[in-house]
Amino acid sequence: MKNLLLIILSLLLFFLFTNCSSTKLVAPKCLSKSEKNIIVRWGELNKINSSDVYYELGTDCKIYLYVENNNSVAKKQYIGQISAEKYCQLISKSKENILKAQALNVPSDISDYYEFVNDNMGIRFRAVWNPEFANKGNQDFKDLYNLFQESVKEAK
């Protein structure tokens, strides 16, 4: 009887540990099936020193920092993960801004940018603006950029 209980307990523990270690990555609930591979990038392009420093956020809610100099291969650094709720807020605001602006391309020697990619739906949107100036055309994306920058600070 003791051996039977020991075997059952061992099996339960085995299944508990193997199931927990093989959990699937689940995208936030605010996304439809066609939005499961959204990638958002935001950062700074510097034509003067040929650099591109940007963050990337995927549907796994993880944020990475990329640094690319003189067209070199970008160095990738893990920053942290934000909550699914925060992710959904950022994506909702992103969609709202994209629908409102539809195009923004005002490059300068040093430009900020925001990029939204959903290859499942054939969507590639990129807004580029001069961070030194604020106007009606770029203000929404400057605000969105700042929301994403705040999310970097919140990432754990």
Protein backbone atom coordinates (compact mmCIF):
# COMPACT_ATOMS: atom_id res chain seq x y z
CA MET A 1 0.00 0.00 0.00
CA LYS A 2 2.81 2.40 0.88
CA ASN A 3 4.58 1.54 -2.36
CA LEU A 4 1.43 2.26 -4.37
CA LEU A 5 1.00 5.66 -2.70
CA LEU A 6 4.66 6.45 -3.28
CA ILE A 7 4.37 5.54 -6.97
CA ILE A 8 1.21 7.65 -7.40
CA LEU A 9 2.80 10.61 -5.62
CA SER A 10 5.93 10.27 -7.75
CA LEU A 11 3.87 10.20 -10.95
CA LEU A 12 1.89 13.24 -9.89
CA LEU A 13 5.05 15.18 -9.14
CA PHE A 14 6.59 14.07 -12.42
CA PHE A 15 3.60 15.29 -14.44
CA LEU A 16 3.42 18.50 -12.47
CA PHE A 17 7.05 19.39 -13.16
CA THR A 18 7.06 18.34 -16.82
CA ASN A 19 3.84 20.20 -17.60
CA CYS A 20 5.01 23.40 -15.91
CA SER A 21 8.32 23.39 -17.73
CA SER A 22 6.69 22.99 -21.14
CA THR A 23 4.16 25.81 -21.01
CA LYS A 24 3.21 27.41 -24.29
CA LEU A 25 3.81 31.07 -25.00
CA VAL A 26 0.39 32.70 -25.01
CA ALA A 27 -0.14 36.04 -26.71
CA PRO A 28 -2.15 38.71 -24.87
CA LYS A 29 -5.91 38.20 -25.05
CA CYS A 30 -6.51 41.54 -26.77
CA LEU A 31 -5.01 40.18 -30.00
CA SER A 32 -6.91 38.34 -32.69
CA LYS A 33 -5.45 35.26 -34.41
CA SER A 34 -4.15 37.40 -37.26
CA GLU A 35 -2.32 39.68 -34.79
CA LYS A 36 -0.30 36.99 -33.01
CA ASN A 37 3.03 38.12 -34.53
CA ILE A 38 2.94 41.90 -34.18
CA ILE A 39 6.32 43.59 -33.76
CA VAL A 40 6.68 47.20 -32.66
CA ARG A 41 9.95 49.09 -32.88
CA TRP A 42 10.74 52.62 -31.76
CA GLY A 43 14.01 54.45 -31.57
CA GLU A 44 16.42 57.00 -32.95
CA LEU A 45 18.12 57.16 -36.35
CA ASN A 46 21.27 59.26 -36.44
CA LYS A 47 22.51 60.05 -39.97
CA ILE A 48 25.50 61.97 -38.61
CA ASN A 49 27.17 58.94 -37.01
CA SER A 50 25.26 56.26 -38.97
CA SER A 51 23.62 54.72 -35.93
CA ASP A 52 20.24 53.21 -35.18
CA VAL A 53 19.29 52.62 -31.55
CA TYR A 54 15.88 51.11 -31.05
CA TYR A 55 13.66 48.95 -28.88
CA GLU A 56 11.56 46.04 -30.06
CA LEU A 57 8.40 44.69 -28.45
CA GLY A 58 6.79 41.44 -29.57
CA THR A 59 3.58 39.67 -28.65
CA ASP A 60 5.47 37.87 -25.89
CA CYS A 61 5.54 41.30 -24.12
CA LYS A 62 9.35 41.21 -24.01
CA ILE A 63 11.38 44.32 -24.80
CA TYR A 64 14.81 44.19 -26.42
CA LEU A 65 17.29 46.97 -27.12
CA TYR A 66 19.18 46.97 -30.43
CA VAL A 67 22.22 49.10 -31.20
CA GLU A 68 23.50 49.31 -34.75
CA ASN A 69 26.48 51.47 -35.76
CA ASN A 70 27.79 52.07 -39.29
CA ASN A 71 25.42 49.45 -40.75
CA SER A 72 26.92 46.75 -38.51
CA VAL A 73 24.89 43.83 -37.26
CA ALA A 74 22.64 45.10 -34.49
CA LYS A 75 23.59 44.07 -30.96
CA LYS A 76 20.58 42.72 -29.08
CA GLN A 77 20.07 43.14 -25.32
CA TYR A 78 17.12 41.86 -23.30
CA ILE A 79 15.53 44.65 -21.24
CA GLY A 80 12.54 42.97 -19.59
CA GLN A 81 8.89 42.10 -19.92
CA ILE A 82 5.78 44.24 -19.50
CA SER A 83 2.34 43.10 -18.42
CA ALA A 84 -0.18 41.90 -20.97
CA GLU A 85 -2.47 44.74 -19.87
CA LYS A 86 0.20 47.35 -20.62
CA TYR A 87 0.93 45.65 -23.94
CA CYS A 88 -2.74 45.82 -24.92
CA GLN A 89 -2.90 49.52 -24.01
CA LEU A 90 0.15 50.25 -26.17
CA ILE A 91 -1.17 48.27 -29.15
CA SER A 92 -4.59 49.90 -28.89
CA LYS A 93 -3.04 53.37 -28.84
CA SER A 94 -0.77 52.37 -31.73
CA LYS A 95 -3.68 51.33 -33.91
CA GLU A 96 -5.52 54.52 -33.07
CA ASN A 97 -2.55 56.69 -34.08
CA ILE A 98 -1.89 54.75 -37.28
CA LEU A 99 -5.50 55.14 -38.40
CA LYS A 100 -5.45 58.84 -37.56
CA ALA A 101 -2.13 59.76 -39.22
CA GLN A 102 -1.71 57.09 -41.93
CA ALA A 103 1.65 58.63 -42.96
CA LEU A 104 4.42 60.60 -41.28
CA ASN A 105 7.83 61.00 -42.88
CA VAL A 106 9.79 64.07 -41.80
CA PRO A 107 13.37 62.82 -41.46
CA SER A 108 16.23 64.94 -40.16
CA ASP A 109 19.87 64.33 -39.24
CA ILE A 110 18.60 62.84 -35.99
CA SER A 111 15.11 61.34 -36.25
CA ASP A 112 12.84 59.48 -33.91
CA TYR A 113 10.72 56.73 -35.38
CA TYR A 114 7.96 54.28 -34.64
CA GLU A 115 7.38 51.09 -36.62
CA PHE A 116 4.43 48.66 -36.50
CA VAL A 117 4.73 45.33 -38.32
CA ASN A 118 2.11 42.63 -38.71
CA ASP A 119 3.25 40.32 -41.50
CA ASN A 120 0.20 38.08 -41.01
CA MET A 121 -1.99 40.93 -42.28
CA GLY A 122 0.57 42.52 -44.62
CA ILE A 123 0.86 45.66 -42.47
CA ARG A 124 4.09 47.64 -42.28
CA PHE A 125 3.81 51.15 -40.92
CA ARG A 126 6.70 53.48 -40.14
CA ALA A 127 6.50 57.05 -38.85
CA VAL A 128 9.66 59.22 -38.86
CA TRP A 129 9.91 62.73 -37.42
CA ASN A 130 12.32 65.38 -36.20
CA PRO A 131 12.26 65.24 -32.38
CA GLU A 132 13.24 68.91 -32.07
CA PHE A 133 9.90 70.11 -33.37
CA ALA A 134 6.35 69.46 -32.28
CA ASN A 135 3.44 70.05 -34.60
CA LYS A 136 -0.03 68.69 -35.18
CA GLY A 137 1.32 66.03 -37.56
CA ASN A 138 3.87 64.45 -35.25
CA GLN A 139 2.54 65.18 -31.75
CA ASP A 140 0.48 61.98 -31.49
CA PHE A 141 3.50 59.88 -32.42
CA LYS A 142 5.76 61.79 -30.05
CA ASP A 143 3.26 61.00 -27.29
CA LEU A 144 3.07 57.35 -28.36
CA TYR A 145 6.88 57.18 -28.47
CA ASN A 146 6.97 58.49 -24.90
CA LEU A 147 4.44 55.86 -23.78
CA PHE A 148 6.67 53.15 -25.22
CA GLN A 149 9.73 54.71 -23.54
CA GLU A 150 7.87 54.61 -20.22
CA SER A 151 7.13 50.92 -20.80
CA VAL A 152 10.90 50.29 -21.01
CA LYS A 153 11.24 51.68 -17.49
CA GLU A 154 8.38 49.44 -16.30
CA ALA A 155 9.80 46.27 -17.87
CA LYS A 156 10.99 43.67 -15.36
